[in-house]
Amino acid sequence: MQMNTISDAYISPHDSNMVNWMKFVNDIDSVFTLPKLEKQPLTRVLPQETYKQPKPGTVDWSTASEEMQENYENSMSILRRKIQERRMLLLPDFLAFDKSHRLQSSHHLLVGLQSSTRPQ
């Protein structure tokens, strides 16, 4: 499915059975660094954080209300404080359920972890 989507996005305008390889390479290179950097080695490259792409389905914070941002920050600070106060090691819990070793979790897993770490 993903390969079909990628190949459809890069179909050659001259031949529908071919892929525009150079466009694909240039797009991939532009994600990680500046184009034609090898020809201008003294160019100042910005830190990697500026090139990170937002994940699909996440909130675009530029359009979020100030109240929503404050609620998020308050919630995260409370969560951080409680985790630090209780000296909770959360990584082993996530690793136990992370069968693909991608350090990502599903919503179902997160709900399960919340219920297993609740005080009795």
PDB file of N, CA and C in Angstrom:
ATOM      1  N   MET A   1       0.821  -1.189   0.000  1.00  0.00           N
ATOM      2  CA  MET A   1       0.000   0.000   0.000  1.00  0.00           C
ATOM      3  C   MET A   1       0.867   1.255   0.000  1.00  0.00           C
ATOM      4  N   GLN A   2       1.848   1.331   0.934  1.00  0.00           N
ATOM      5  CA  GLN A   2       2.709   2.507   1.008  1.00  0.00           C
ATOM      6  C   GLN A   2       3.578   2.630  -0.233  1.00  0.00           C
ATOM      7  N   MET A   3       4.068   1.502  -0.722  1.00  0.00           N
ATOM      8  CA  MET A   3       4.908   1.545  -1.921  1.00  0.00           C
ATOM      9  C   MET A   3       4.100   2.027  -3.121  1.00  0.00           C
ATOM     10  N   ASN A   4       2.846   1.619  -3.218  1.00  0.00           N
ATOM     11  CA  ASN A   4       1.992   2.092  -4.313  1.00  0.00           C
ATOM     12  C   ASN A   4       1.774   3.596  -4.220  1.00  0.00           C
ATOM     13  N   THR A   5       1.568   4.088  -3.012  1.00  0.00           N
ATOM     14  CA  THR A   5       1.369   5.521  -2.817  1.00  0.00           C
ATOM     15  C   THR A   5       2.612   6.298  -3.223  1.00  0.00           C
ATOM     16  N   ILE A   6       3.777   5.801  -2.817  1.00  0.00           N
ATOM     17  CA  ILE A   6       5.035   6.470  -3.177  1.00  0.00           C
ATOM     18  C   ILE A   6       5.260   6.417  -4.677  1.00  0.00           C
ATOM     19  N   SER A   7       5.052   5.255  -5.275  1.00  0.00           N
ATOM     20  CA  SER A   7       5.283   5.148  -6.722  1.00  0.00           C
ATOM     21  C   SER A   7       4.290   6.005  -7.502  1.00  0.00           C
ATOM     22  N   ASP A   8       3.057   6.135  -7.005  1.00  0.00           N
ATOM     23  CA  ASP A   8       2.084   7.009  -7.670  1.00  0.00           C
ATOM     24  C   ASP A   8       2.507   8.476  -7.578  1.00  0.00           C
ATOM     25  N   ALA A   9       3.102   8.848  -6.447  1.00  0.00           N
ATOM     26  CA  ALA A   9       3.518  10.241  -6.264  1.00  0.00           C
ATOM     27  C   ALA A   9       4.700  10.606  -7.157  1.00  0.00           C
ATOM     28  N   TYR A  10       5.510   9.616  -7.532  1.00  0.00           N
ATOM     29  CA  TYR A  10       6.721   9.889  -8.313  1.00  0.00           C
ATOM     30  C   TYR A  10       6.678   9.271  -9.708  1.00  0.00           C
ATOM     31  N   ILE A  11       5.494   9.107 -10.279  1.00  0.00           N
ATOM     32  CA  ILE A  11       5.385   8.573 -11.646  1.00  0.00           C
ATOM     33  C   ILE A  11       6.017   9.563 -12.614  1.00  0.00           C
ATOM     34  N   SER A  12       6.769   9.039 -13.550  1.00  0.00           N
ATOM     35  CA  SER A  12       7.417   9.876 -14.563  1.00  0.00           C
ATOM     36  C   SER A  12       6.360  10.495 -15.476  1.00  0.00           C
ATOM     37  N   PRO A  13       6.499  11.778 -15.804  1.00  0.00           N
ATOM     38  CA  PRO A  13       5.526  12.410 -16.697  1.00  0.00           C
ATOM     39  C   PRO A  13       5.638  11.899 -18.138  1.00  0.00           C
ATOM     40  N   HIS A  14       6.783  11.275 -18.475  1.00  0.00           N
ATOM     41  CA  HIS A  14       7.002  10.803 -19.840  1.00  0.00           C
ATOM     42  C   HIS A  14       6.550   9.365 -20.046  1.00  0.00           C
ATOM     43  N   ASP A  15       6.635   8.545 -18.990  1.00  0.00           N
ATOM     44  CA  ASP A  15       6.295   7.124 -19.114  1.00  0.00           C
ATOM     45  C   ASP A  15       5.641   6.672 -17.809  1.00  0.00           C
ATOM     46  N   SER A  16       4.391   6.233 -17.873  1.00  0.00           N
ATOM     47  CA  SER A  16       3.664   5.853 -16.655  1.00  0.00           C
ATOM     48  C   SER A  16       4.186   4.567 -16.019  1.00  0.00           C
ATOM     49  N   ASN A  17       5.057   3.835 -16.716  1.00  0.00           N
ATOM     50  CA  ASN A  17       5.654   2.623 -16.156  1.00  0.00           C
ATOM     51  C   ASN A  17       6.971   2.907 -15.452  1.00  0.00           C
ATOM     52  N   MET A  18       7.397   4.162 -15.466  1.00  0.00           N
ATOM     53  CA  MET A  18       8.680   4.540 -14.874  1.00  0.00           C
ATOM     54  C   MET A  18       8.446   5.487 -13.695  1.00  0.00           C
ATOM     55  N   VAL A  19       9.447   5.552 -12.823  1.00  0.00           N
ATOM     56  CA  VAL A  19       9.409   6.437 -11.663  1.00  0.00           C
ATOM     57  C   VAL A  19      10.441   7.540 -11.866  1.00  0.00           C
ATOM     58  N   ASN A  20      10.094   8.757 -11.482  1.00  0.00           N
ATOM     59  CA  ASN A  20      11.022   9.880 -11.566  1.00  0.00           C
ATOM     60  C   ASN A  20      11.981   9.786 -10.377  1.00  0.00           C
ATOM     61  N   TRP A  21      13.059   9.053 -10.576  1.00  0.00           N
ATOM     62  CA  TRP A  21      14.003   8.734  -9.511  1.00  0.00           C
ATOM     63  C   TRP A  21      14.667   9.984  -8.951  1.00  0.00           C
ATOM     64  N   MET A  22      15.063  10.915  -9.796  1.00  0.00           N
ATOM     65  CA  MET A  22      15.771  12.107  -9.325  1.00  0.00           C
ATOM     66  C   MET A  22      14.869  12.974  -8.435  1.00  0.00           C
ATOM     67  N   LYS A  23      13.608  13.065  -8.761  1.00  0.00           N
ATOM     68  CA  LYS A  23      12.687  13.827  -7.912  1.00  0.00           C
ATOM     69  C   LYS A  23      12.580  13.165  -6.541  1.00  0.00           C
ATOM     70  N   PHE A  24      12.499  11.836  -6.532  1.00  0.00           N
ATOM     71  CA  PHE A  24      12.439  11.087  -5.279  1.00  0.00           C
ATOM     72  C   PHE A  24      13.699  11.327  -4.442  1.00  0.00           C
ATOM     73  N   VAL A  25      14.873  11.212  -5.070  1.00  0.00           N
ATOM     74  CA  VAL A  25      16.146  11.407  -4.364  1.00  0.00           C
ATOM     75  C   VAL A  25      16.234  12.831  -3.817  1.00  0.00           C
ATOM     76  N   ASN A  26      15.863  13.815  -4.619  1.00  0.00           N
ATOM     77  CA  ASN A  26      15.926  15.209  -4.166  1.00  0.00           C
ATOM     78  C   ASN A  26      14.977  15.463  -2.998  1.00  0.00           C
ATOM     79  N   ASP A  27      13.794  14.879  -3.035  1.00  0.00           N
ATOM     80  CA  ASP A  27      12.850  15.049  -1.929  1.00  0.00           C
ATOM     81  C   ASP A  27      13.374  14.406  -0.647  1.00  0.00           C
ATOM     82  N   ILE A  28      13.947  13.222  -0.765  1.00  0.00           N
ATOM     83  CA  ILE A  28      14.507  12.548   0.413  1.00  0.00           C
ATOM     84  C   ILE A  28      15.680  13.340   0.970  1.00  0.00           C
ATOM     85  N   ASP A  29      16.564  13.817   0.097  1.00  0.00           N
ATOM     86  CA  ASP A  29      17.710  14.605   0.550  1.00  0.00           C
ATOM     87  C   ASP A  29      17.274  15.895   1.232  1.00  0.00           C
ATOM     88  N   SER A  30      16.220  16.516   0.739  1.00  0.00           N
ATOM     89  CA  SER A  30      15.776  17.784   1.316  1.00  0.00           C
ATOM     90  C   SER A  30      15.213  17.606   2.724  1.00  0.00           C
ATOM     91  N   VAL A  31      14.785  16.407   3.068  1.00  0.00           N
ATOM     92  CA  VAL A  31      14.285  16.154   4.418  1.00  0.00           C
ATOM     93  C   VAL A  31      15.426  16.160   5.423  1.00  0.00           C
ATOM     94  N   PHE A  32      16.582  15.623   5.047  1.00  0.00           N
ATOM     95  CA  PHE A  32      17.684  15.449   5.979  1.00  0.00           C
ATOM     96  C   PHE A  32      18.701  16.577   5.962  1.00  0.00           C
ATOM     97  N   THR A  33      18.846  17.276   4.851  1.00  0.00           N
ATOM     98  CA  THR A  33      19.853  18.333   4.761  1.00  0.00           C
ATOM     99  C   THR A  33      19.477  19.311   3.656  1.00  0.00           C
ATOM    100  N   LEU A  34      20.316  20.280   3.446  1.00  0.00           N
ATOM    101  CA  LEU A  34      20.073  21.266   2.395  1.00  0.00           C
ATOM    102  C   LEU A  34      20.486  20.700   1.044  1.00  0.00           C
ATOM    103  N   PRO A  35      19.759  21.041  -0.023  1.00  0.00           N
ATOM    104  CA  PRO A  35      20.142  20.542  -1.345  1.00  0.00           C
ATOM    105  C   PRO A  35      21.465  21.161  -1.817  1.00  0.00           C
ATOM    106  N   LYS A  36      22.218  20.384  -2.592  1.00  0.00           N
ATOM    107  CA  LYS A  36      23.497  20.799  -3.191  1.00  0.00           C
ATOM    108  C   LYS A  36      24.506  21.274  -2.148  1.00  0.00           C
ATOM    109  N   LEU A  37      24.469  20.697  -0.966  1.00  0.00           N
ATOM    110  CA  LEU A  37      25.392  21.074   0.096  1.00  0.00           C
ATOM    111  C   LEU A  37      26.826  20.691  -0.251  1.00  0.00           C
ATOM    112  N   GLU A  38      27.001  19.625  -1.032  1.00  0.00           N
ATOM    113  CA  GLU A  38      28.358  19.204  -1.397  1.00  0.00           C
ATOM    114  C   GLU A  38      29.063  20.242  -2.269  1.00  0.00           C
ATOM    115  N   LYS A  39      28.308  21.094  -2.948  1.00  0.00           N
ATOM    116  CA  LYS A  39      28.912  22.139  -3.787  1.00  0.00           C
ATOM    117  C   LYS A  39      29.209  23.404  -2.987  1.00  0.00           C
ATOM    118  N   GLN A  40      28.608  23.530  -1.817  1.00  0.00           N
ATOM    119  CA  GLN A  40      28.833  24.688  -0.950  1.00  0.00           C
ATOM    120  C   GLN A  40      29.120  24.194   0.471  1.00  0.00           C
ATOM    121  N   PRO A  41      30.311  23.655   0.709  1.00  0.00           N
ATOM    122  CA  PRO A  41      30.593  23.014   2.001  1.00  0.00           C
ATOM    123  C   PRO A  41      30.649  23.975   3.187  1.00  0.00           C
ATOM    124  N   LEU A  42      30.769  25.268   2.949  1.00  0.00           N
ATOM    125  CA  LEU A  42      30.853  26.217   4.057  1.00  0.00           C
ATOM    126  C   LEU A  42      29.490  26.775   4.465  1.00  0.00           C
ATOM    127  N   THR A  43      28.437  26.287   3.837  1.00  0.00           N
ATOM    128  CA  THR A  43      27.088  26.741   4.175  1.00  0.00           C
ATOM    129  C   THR A  43      26.745  26.326   5.601  1.00  0.00           C
ATOM    130  N   ARG A  44      26.145  27.244   6.336  1.00  0.00           N
ATOM    131  CA  ARG A  44      25.751  26.951   7.717  1.00  0.00           C
ATOM    132  C   ARG A  44      24.445  26.156   7.697  1.00  0.00           C
ATOM    133  N   VAL A  45      24.474  24.968   8.260  1.00  0.00           N
ATOM    134  CA  VAL A  45      23.295  24.097   8.305  1.00  0.00           C
ATOM    135  C   VAL A  45      22.640  24.249   9.672  1.00  0.00           C
ATOM    136  N   LEU A  46      21.332  24.474   9.665  1.00  0.00           N
ATOM    137  CA  LEU A  46      20.600  24.632  10.917  1.00  0.00           C
ATOM    138  C   LEU A  46      20.529  23.304  11.663  1.00  0.00           C
ATOM    139  N   PRO A  47      20.279  23.339  12.968  1.00  0.00           N
ATOM    140  CA  PRO A  47      20.180  22.089  13.735  1.00  0.00           C
ATOM    141  C   PRO A  47      19.110  21.161  13.174  1.00  0.00           C
ATOM    142  N   GLN A  48      19.249  19.878  13.455  1.00  0.00           N
ATOM    143  CA  GLN A  48      18.369  18.848  12.908  1.00  0.00           C
ATOM    144  C   GLN A  48      16.906  19.057  13.285  1.00  0.00           C
ATOM    145  N   GLU A  49      16.631  19.660  14.442  1.00  0.00           N
ATOM    146  CA  GLU A  49      15.255  19.824  14.904  1.00  0.00           C
ATOM    147  C   GLU A  49      14.400  20.596  13.905  1.00  0.00           C
ATOM    148  N   THR A  50      15.002  21.502  13.155  1.00  0.00           N
ATOM    149  CA  THR A  50      14.216  22.303  12.224  1.00  0.00           C
ATOM    150  C   THR A  50      13.732  21.481  11.048  1.00  0.00           C
ATOM    151  N   TYR A  51      14.306  20.303  10.833  1.00  0.00           N
ATOM    152  CA  TYR A  51      13.926  19.481   9.696  1.00  0.00           C
ATOM    153  C   TYR A  51      12.941  18.378  10.064  1.00  0.00           C
ATOM    154  N   LYS A  52      12.612  18.237  11.338  1.00  0.00           N
ATOM    155  CA  LYS A  52      11.692  17.182  11.739  1.00  0.00           C
ATOM    156  C   LYS A  52      10.302  17.497  11.226  1.00  0.00           C
ATOM    157  N   GLN A  53       9.668  16.501  10.650  1.00  0.00           N
ATOM    158  CA  GLN A  53       8.325  16.659  10.108  1.00  0.00           C
ATOM    159  C   GLN A  53       7.306  16.311  11.194  1.00  0.00           C
ATOM    160  N   PRO A  54       6.206  17.045  11.271  1.00  0.00           N
ATOM    161  CA  PRO A  54       5.181  16.685  12.255  1.00  0.00           C
ATOM    162  C   PRO A  54       4.536  15.352  11.902  1.00  0.00           C
ATOM    163  N   LYS A  55       4.223  14.583  12.921  1.00  0.00           N
ATOM    164  CA  LYS A  55       3.595  13.286  12.682  1.00  0.00           C
ATOM    165  C   LYS A  55       2.131  13.488  12.307  1.00  0.00           C
ATOM    166  N   PRO A  56       1.628  12.653  11.406  1.00  0.00           N
ATOM    167  CA  PRO A  56       0.215  12.776  11.027  1.00  0.00           C
ATOM    168  C   PRO A  56      -0.693  12.542  12.231  1.00  0.00           C
ATOM    169  N   GLY A  57      -1.725  13.341  12.342  1.00  0.00           N
ATOM    170  CA  GLY A  57      -2.680  13.182  13.431  1.00  0.00           C
ATOM    171  C   GLY A  57      -2.325  13.948  14.684  1.00  0.00           C
ATOM    172  N   THR A  58      -1.168  14.602  14.714  1.00  0.00           N
ATOM    173  CA  THR A  58      -0.802  15.373  15.894  1.00  0.00           C
ATOM    174  C   THR A  58      -1.348  16.787  15.777  1.00  0.00           C
ATOM    175  N   VAL A  59      -1.410  17.469  16.898  1.00  0.00           N
ATOM    176  CA  VAL A  59      -1.966  18.819  16.932  1.00  0.00           C
ATOM    177  C   VAL A  59      -0.963  19.797  16.336  1.00  0.00           C
ATOM    178  N   ASP A  60      -1.445  20.690  15.491  1.00  0.00           N
ATOM    179  CA  ASP A  60      -0.620  21.769  14.962  1.00  0.00           C
ATOM    180  C   ASP A  60      -0.675  22.896  15.987  1.00  0.00           C
ATOM    181  N   TRP A  61       0.409  23.073  16.745  1.00  0.00           N
ATOM    182  CA  TRP A  61       0.395  24.014  17.855  1.00  0.00           C
ATOM    183  C   TRP A  61       0.285  25.464  17.401  1.00  0.00           C
ATOM    184  N   SER A  62       0.540  25.750  16.130  1.00  0.00           N
ATOM    185  CA  SER A  62       0.392  27.131  15.664  1.00  0.00           C
ATOM    186  C   SER A  62      -1.084  27.532  15.603  1.00  0.00           C
ATOM    187  N   THR A  63      -1.983  26.560  15.487  1.00  0.00           N
ATOM    188  CA  THR A  63      -3.414  26.870  15.436  1.00  0.00           C
ATOM    189  C   THR A  63      -4.125  26.562  16.753  1.00  0.00           C
ATOM    190  N   ALA A  64      -3.415  25.985  17.712  1.00  0.00           N
ATOM    191  CA  ALA A  64      -4.035  25.645  18.998  1.00  0.00           C
ATOM    192  C   ALA A  64      -4.264  26.915  19.813  1.00  0.00           C
ATOM    193  N   SER A  65      -5.339  26.910  20.569  1.00  0.00           N
ATOM    194  CA  SER A  65      -5.638  28.079  21.402  1.00  0.00           C
ATOM    195  C   SER A  65      -4.641  28.151  22.557  1.00  0.00           C
ATOM    196  N   GLU A  66      -4.523  29.342  23.117  1.00  0.00           N
ATOM    197  CA  GLU A  66      -3.599  29.534  24.236  1.00  0.00           C
ATOM    198  C   GLU A  66      -4.033  28.691  25.433  1.00  0.00           C
ATOM    199  N   GLU A  67      -5.342  28.568  25.628  1.00  0.00           N
ATOM    200  CA  GLU A  67      -5.869  27.760  26.731  1.00  0.00           C
ATOM    201  C   GLU A  67      -5.481  26.290  26.566  1.00  0.00           C
ATOM    202  N   MET A  68      -5.565  25.785  25.329  1.00  0.00           N
ATOM    203  CA  MET A  68      -5.201  24.398  25.068  1.00  0.00           C
ATOM    204  C   MET A  68      -3.712  24.172  25.344  1.00  0.00           C
ATOM    205  N   GLN A  69      -2.873  25.114  24.937  1.00  0.00           N
ATOM    206  CA  GLN A  69      -1.437  24.982  25.177  1.00  0.00           C
ATOM    207  C   GLN A  69      -1.130  25.015  26.672  1.00  0.00           C
ATOM    208  N   GLU A  70      -1.799  25.902  27.409  1.00  0.00           N
ATOM    209  CA  GLU A  70      -1.589  25.977  28.856  1.00  0.00           C
ATOM    210  C   GLU A  70      -2.038  24.688  29.540  1.00  0.00           C
ATOM    211  N   ASN A  71      -3.199  24.159  29.147  1.00  0.00           N
ATOM    212  CA  ASN A  71      -3.681  22.898  29.721  1.00  0.00           C
ATOM    213  C   ASN A  71      -2.698  21.770  29.461  1.00  0.00           C
ATOM    214  N   TYR A  72      -2.163  21.727  28.247  1.00  0.00           N
ATOM    215  CA  TYR A  72      -1.192  20.688  27.899  1.00  0.00           C
ATOM    216  C   TYR A  72       0.054  20.814  28.771  1.00  0.00           C
ATOM    217  N   GLU A  73       0.603  22.028  28.857  1.00  0.00           N
ATOM    218  CA  GLU A  73       1.822  22.239  29.646  1.00  0.00           C
ATOM    219  C   GLU A  73       1.585  21.916  31.120  1.00  0.00           C
ATOM    220  N   ASN A  74       0.447  22.333  31.664  1.00  0.00           N
ATOM    221  CA  ASN A  74       0.136  22.030  33.067  1.00  0.00           C
ATOM    222  C   ASN A  74       0.023  20.526  33.289  1.00  0.00           C
ATOM    223  N   SER A  75      -0.663  19.841  32.391  1.00  0.00           N
ATOM    224  CA  SER A  75      -0.828  18.384  32.518  1.00  0.00           C
ATOM    225  C   SER A  75       0.519  17.678  32.468  1.00  0.00           C
ATOM    226  N   MET A  76       1.355  18.083  31.526  1.00  0.00           N
ATOM    227  CA  MET A  76       2.662  17.438  31.393  1.00  0.00           C
ATOM    228  C   MET A  76       3.546  17.721  32.604  1.00  0.00           C
ATOM    229  N   SER A  77       3.492  18.921  33.149  1.00  0.00           N
ATOM    230  CA  SER A  77       4.322  19.224  34.323  1.00  0.00           C
ATOM    231  C   SER A  77       3.846  18.428  35.542  1.00  0.00           C
ATOM    232  N   ILE A  78       2.529  18.270  35.700  1.00  0.00           N
ATOM    233  CA  ILE A  78       2.003  17.454  36.803  1.00  0.00           C
ATOM    234  C   ILE A  78       2.442  16.003  36.636  1.00  0.00           C
ATOM    235  N   LEU A  79       2.335  15.491  35.418  1.00  0.00           N
ATOM    236  CA  LEU A  79       2.744  14.111  35.151  1.00  0.00           C
ATOM    237  C   LEU A  79       4.234  13.928  35.417  1.00  0.00           C
ATOM    238  N   ARG A  80       5.063  14.869  34.939  1.00  0.00           N
ATOM    239  CA  ARG A  80       6.509  14.799  35.173  1.00  0.00           C
ATOM    240  C   ARG A  80       6.823  14.789  36.665  1.00  0.00           C
ATOM    241  N   ARG A  81       6.170  15.696  37.406  1.00  0.00           N
ATOM    242  CA  ARG A  81       6.426  15.803  38.838  1.00  0.00           C
ATOM    243  C   ARG A  81       6.060  14.508  39.563  1.00  0.00           C
ATOM    244  N   LYS A  82       4.902  13.932  39.231  1.00  0.00           N
ATOM    245  CA  LYS A  82       4.476  12.697  39.893  1.00  0.00           C
ATOM    246  C   LYS A  82       5.417  11.540  39.574  1.00  0.00           C
ATOM    247  N   ILE A  83       5.868  11.481  38.338  1.00  0.00           N
ATOM    248  CA  ILE A  83       6.797  10.413  37.946  1.00  0.00           C
ATOM    249  C   ILE A  83       8.117  10.566  38.684  1.00  0.00           C
ATOM    250  N   GLN A  84       8.604  11.812  38.803  1.00  0.00           N
ATOM    251  CA  GLN A  84       9.866  12.045  39.503  1.00  0.00           C
ATOM    252  C   GLN A  84       9.727  11.800  41.003  1.00  0.00           C
ATOM    253  N   GLU A  85       8.604  12.225  41.600  1.00  0.00           N
ATOM    254  CA  GLU A  85       8.392  12.017  43.034  1.00  0.00           C
ATOM    255  C   GLU A  85       8.356  10.536  43.379  1.00  0.00           C
ATOM    256  N   ARG A  86       7.718   9.761  42.545  1.00  0.00           N
ATOM    257  CA  ARG A  86       7.587   8.322  42.808  1.00  0.00           C
ATOM    258  C   ARG A  86       8.762   7.526  42.257  1.00  0.00           C
ATOM    259  N   ARG A  87       9.672   8.225  41.582  1.00  0.00           N
ATOM    260  CA  ARG A  87      10.853   7.597  40.970  1.00  0.00           C
ATOM    261  C   ARG A  87      10.464   6.391  40.124  1.00  0.00           C
ATOM    262  N   MET A  88       9.473   6.622  39.289  1.00  0.00           N
ATOM    263  CA  MET A  88       8.952   5.548  38.446  1.00  0.00           C
ATOM    264  C   MET A  88       9.847   5.353  37.228  1.00  0.00           C
ATOM    265  N   LEU A  89      10.167   4.119  36.936  1.00  0.00           N
ATOM    266  CA  LEU A  89      10.903   3.778  35.725  1.00  0.00           C
ATOM    267  C   LEU A  89       9.883   3.259  34.718  1.00  0.00           C
ATOM    268  N   LEU A  90       9.538   4.078  33.750  1.00  0.00           N
ATOM    269  CA  LEU A  90       8.488   3.717  32.799  1.00  0.00           C
ATOM    270  C   LEU A  90       9.005   2.941  31.602  1.00  0.00           C
ATOM    271  N   LEU A  91      10.266   3.114  31.260  1.00  0.00           N
ATOM    272  CA  LEU A  91      10.787   2.465  30.061  1.00  0.00           C
ATOM    273  C   LEU A  91      10.651   0.942  30.106  1.00  0.00           C
ATOM    274  N   PRO A  92      10.970   0.267  31.222  1.00  0.00           N
ATOM    275  CA  PRO A  92      10.796  -1.191  31.228  1.00  0.00           C
ATOM    276  C   PRO A  92       9.365  -1.638  30.936  1.00  0.00           C
ATOM    277  N   ASP A  93       8.375  -0.871  31.421  1.00  0.00           N
ATOM    278  CA  ASP A  93       6.979  -1.218  31.134  1.00  0.00           C
ATOM    279  C   ASP A  93       6.688  -1.131  29.648  1.00  0.00           C
ATOM    280  N   PHE A  94       7.184  -0.085  29.007  1.00  0.00           N
ATOM    281  CA  PHE A  94       6.957   0.063  27.573  1.00  0.00           C
ATOM    282  C   PHE A  94       7.713  -1.009  26.794  1.00  0.00           C
ATOM    283  N   LEU A  95       8.939  -1.307  27.207  1.00  0.00           N
ATOM    284  CA  LEU A  95       9.724  -2.312  26.488  1.00  0.00           C
ATOM    285  C   LEU A  95       9.098  -3.694  26.588  1.00  0.00           C
ATOM    286  N   ALA A  96       8.433  -3.985  27.705  1.00  0.00           N
ATOM    287  CA  ALA A  96       7.800  -5.291  27.868  1.00  0.00           C
ATOM    288  C   ALA A  96       6.685  -5.501  26.850  1.00  0.00           C
ATOM    289  N   PHE A  97       6.040  -4.428  26.432  1.00  0.00           N
ATOM    290  CA  PHE A  97       4.936  -4.530  25.480  1.00  0.00           C
ATOM    291  C   PHE A  97       5.340  -4.179  24.055  1.00  0.00           C
ATOM    292  N   ASP A  98       6.568  -3.716  23.862  1.00  0.00           N
ATOM    293  CA  ASP A  98       7.031  -3.247  22.551  1.00  0.00           C
ATOM    294  C   ASP A  98       7.664  -4.408  21.796  1.00  0.00           C
ATOM    295  N   LYS A  99       6.837  -5.203  21.140  1.00  0.00           N
ATOM    296  CA  LYS A  99       7.339  -6.386  20.449  1.00  0.00           C
ATOM    297  C   LYS A  99       8.146  -6.038  19.202  1.00  0.00           C
ATOM    298  N   SER A 100       7.892  -4.881  18.612  1.00  0.00           N
ATOM    299  CA  SER A 100       8.609  -4.500  17.390  1.00  0.00           C
ATOM    300  C   SER A 100       9.889  -3.731  17.692  1.00  0.00           C
ATOM    301  N   HIS A 101      10.136  -3.379  18.957  1.00  0.00           N
ATOM    302  CA  HIS A 101      11.331  -2.641  19.382  1.00  0.00           C
ATOM    303  C   HIS A 101      11.465  -1.313  18.644  1.00  0.00           C
ATOM    304  N   ARG A 102      10.329  -0.636  18.432  1.00  0.00           N
ATOM    305  CA  ARG A 102      10.339   0.656  17.748  1.00  0.00           C
ATOM    306  C   ARG A 102      10.171   1.812  18.729  1.00  0.00           C
ATOM    307  N   LEU A 103      10.058   1.509  20.022  1.00  0.00           N
ATOM    308  CA  LEU A 103       9.842   2.502  21.071  1.00  0.00           C
ATOM    309  C   LEU A 103       8.612   3.362  20.787  1.00  0.00           C
ATOM    310  N   GLN A 104       7.568   2.719  20.280  1.00  0.00           N
ATOM    311  CA  GLN A 104       6.287   3.367  20.052  1.00  0.00           C
ATOM    312  C   GLN A 104       5.214   2.508  20.691  1.00  0.00           C
ATOM    313  N   SER A 105       4.133   3.136  21.089  1.00  0.00           N
ATOM    314  CA  SER A 105       3.066   2.366  21.709  1.00  0.00           C
ATOM    315  C   SER A 105       1.721   2.769  21.119  1.00  0.00           C
ATOM    316  N   SER A 106       0.779   1.872  21.219  1.00  0.00           N
ATOM    317  CA  SER A 106      -0.574   2.143  20.742  1.00  0.00           C
ATOM    318  C   SER A 106      -1.398   2.742  21.879  1.00  0.00           C
ATOM    319  N   HIS A 107      -2.556   3.244  21.539  1.00  0.00           N
ATOM    320  CA  HIS A 107      -3.465   3.803  22.541  1.00  0.00           C
ATOM    321  C   HIS A 107      -3.884   2.713  23.531  1.00  0.00           C
ATOM    322  N   HIS A 108      -4.142   1.510  23.016  1.00  0.00           N
ATOM    323  CA  HIS A 108      -4.551   0.389  23.861  1.00  0.00           C
ATOM    324  C   HIS A 108      -3.474   0.089  24.906  1.00  0.00           C
ATOM    325  N   LEU A 109      -2.212   0.103  24.497  1.00  0.00           N
ATOM    326  CA  LEU A 109      -1.112  -0.161  25.420  1.00  0.00           C
ATOM    327  C   LEU A 109      -1.036   0.925  26.483  1.00  0.00           C
ATOM    328  N   LEU A 110      -1.204   2.166  26.084  1.00  0.00           N
ATOM    329  CA  LEU A 110      -1.124   3.277  27.023  1.00  0.00           C
ATOM    330  C   LEU A 110      -2.213   3.175  28.086  1.00  0.00           C
ATOM    331  N   VAL A 111      -3.419   2.808  27.683  1.00  0.00           N
ATOM    332  CA  VAL A 111      -4.517   2.634  28.641  1.00  0.00           C
ATOM    333  C   VAL A 111      -4.186   1.490  29.598  1.00  0.00           C
ATOM    334  N   GLY A 112      -3.612   0.404  29.074  1.00  0.00           N
ATOM    335  CA  GLY A 112      -3.226  -0.719  29.924  1.00  0.00           C
ATOM    336  C   GLY A 112      -2.157  -0.342  30.932  1.00  0.00           C
ATOM    337  N   LEU A 113      -1.185   0.455  30.506  1.00  0.00           N
ATOM    338  CA  LEU A 113      -0.133   0.895  31.421  1.00  0.00           C
ATOM    339  C   LEU A 113      -0.695   1.811  32.501  1.00  0.00           C
ATOM    340  N   GLN A 114      -1.630   2.677  32.128  1.00  0.00           N
ATOM    341  CA  GLN A 114      -2.227   3.573  33.115  1.00  0.00           C
ATOM    342  C   GLN A 114      -2.947   2.777  34.193  1.00  0.00           C
ATOM    343  N   SER A 115      -3.679   1.757  33.784  1.00  0.00           N
ATOM    344  CA  SER A 115      -4.428   0.983  34.773  1.00  0.00           C
ATOM    345  C   SER A 115      -3.499   0.141  35.644  1.00  0.00           C
ATOM    346  N   SER A 116      -2.360  -0.299  35.096  1.00  0.00           N
ATOM    347  CA  SER A 116      -1.452  -1.139  35.885  1.00  0.00           C
ATOM    348  C   SER A 116      -0.585  -0.324  36.834  1.00  0.00           C
ATOM    349  N   THR A 117      -0.435   0.987  36.597  1.00  0.00           N
ATOM    350  CA  THR A 117       0.410   1.810  37.468  1.00  0.00           C
ATOM    351  C   THR A 117      -0.396   2.666  38.432  1.00  0.00           C
ATOM    352  N   ARG A 118      -1.719   2.535  38.430  1.00  0.00           N
ATOM    353  CA  ARG A 118      -2.554   3.296  39.362  1.00  0.00           C
ATOM    354  C   ARG A 118      -2.319   2.813  40.784  1.00  0.00           C
ATOM    355  N   PRO A 119      -2.269   3.756  41.732  1.00  0.00           N
ATOM    356  CA  PRO A 119      -2.131   3.333  43.135  1.00  0.00           C
ATOM    357  C   PRO A 119      -3.370   2.570  43.583  1.00  0.00           C
ATOM    358  N   GLN A 120      -3.173   1.582  44.398  1.00  0.00           N
ATOM    359  CA  GLN A 120      -4.275   0.732  44.871  1.00  0.00           C
ATOM    360  C   GLN A 120      -5.033   1.386  45.991  1.00  0.00           C
TER     361      GLN A 120
END
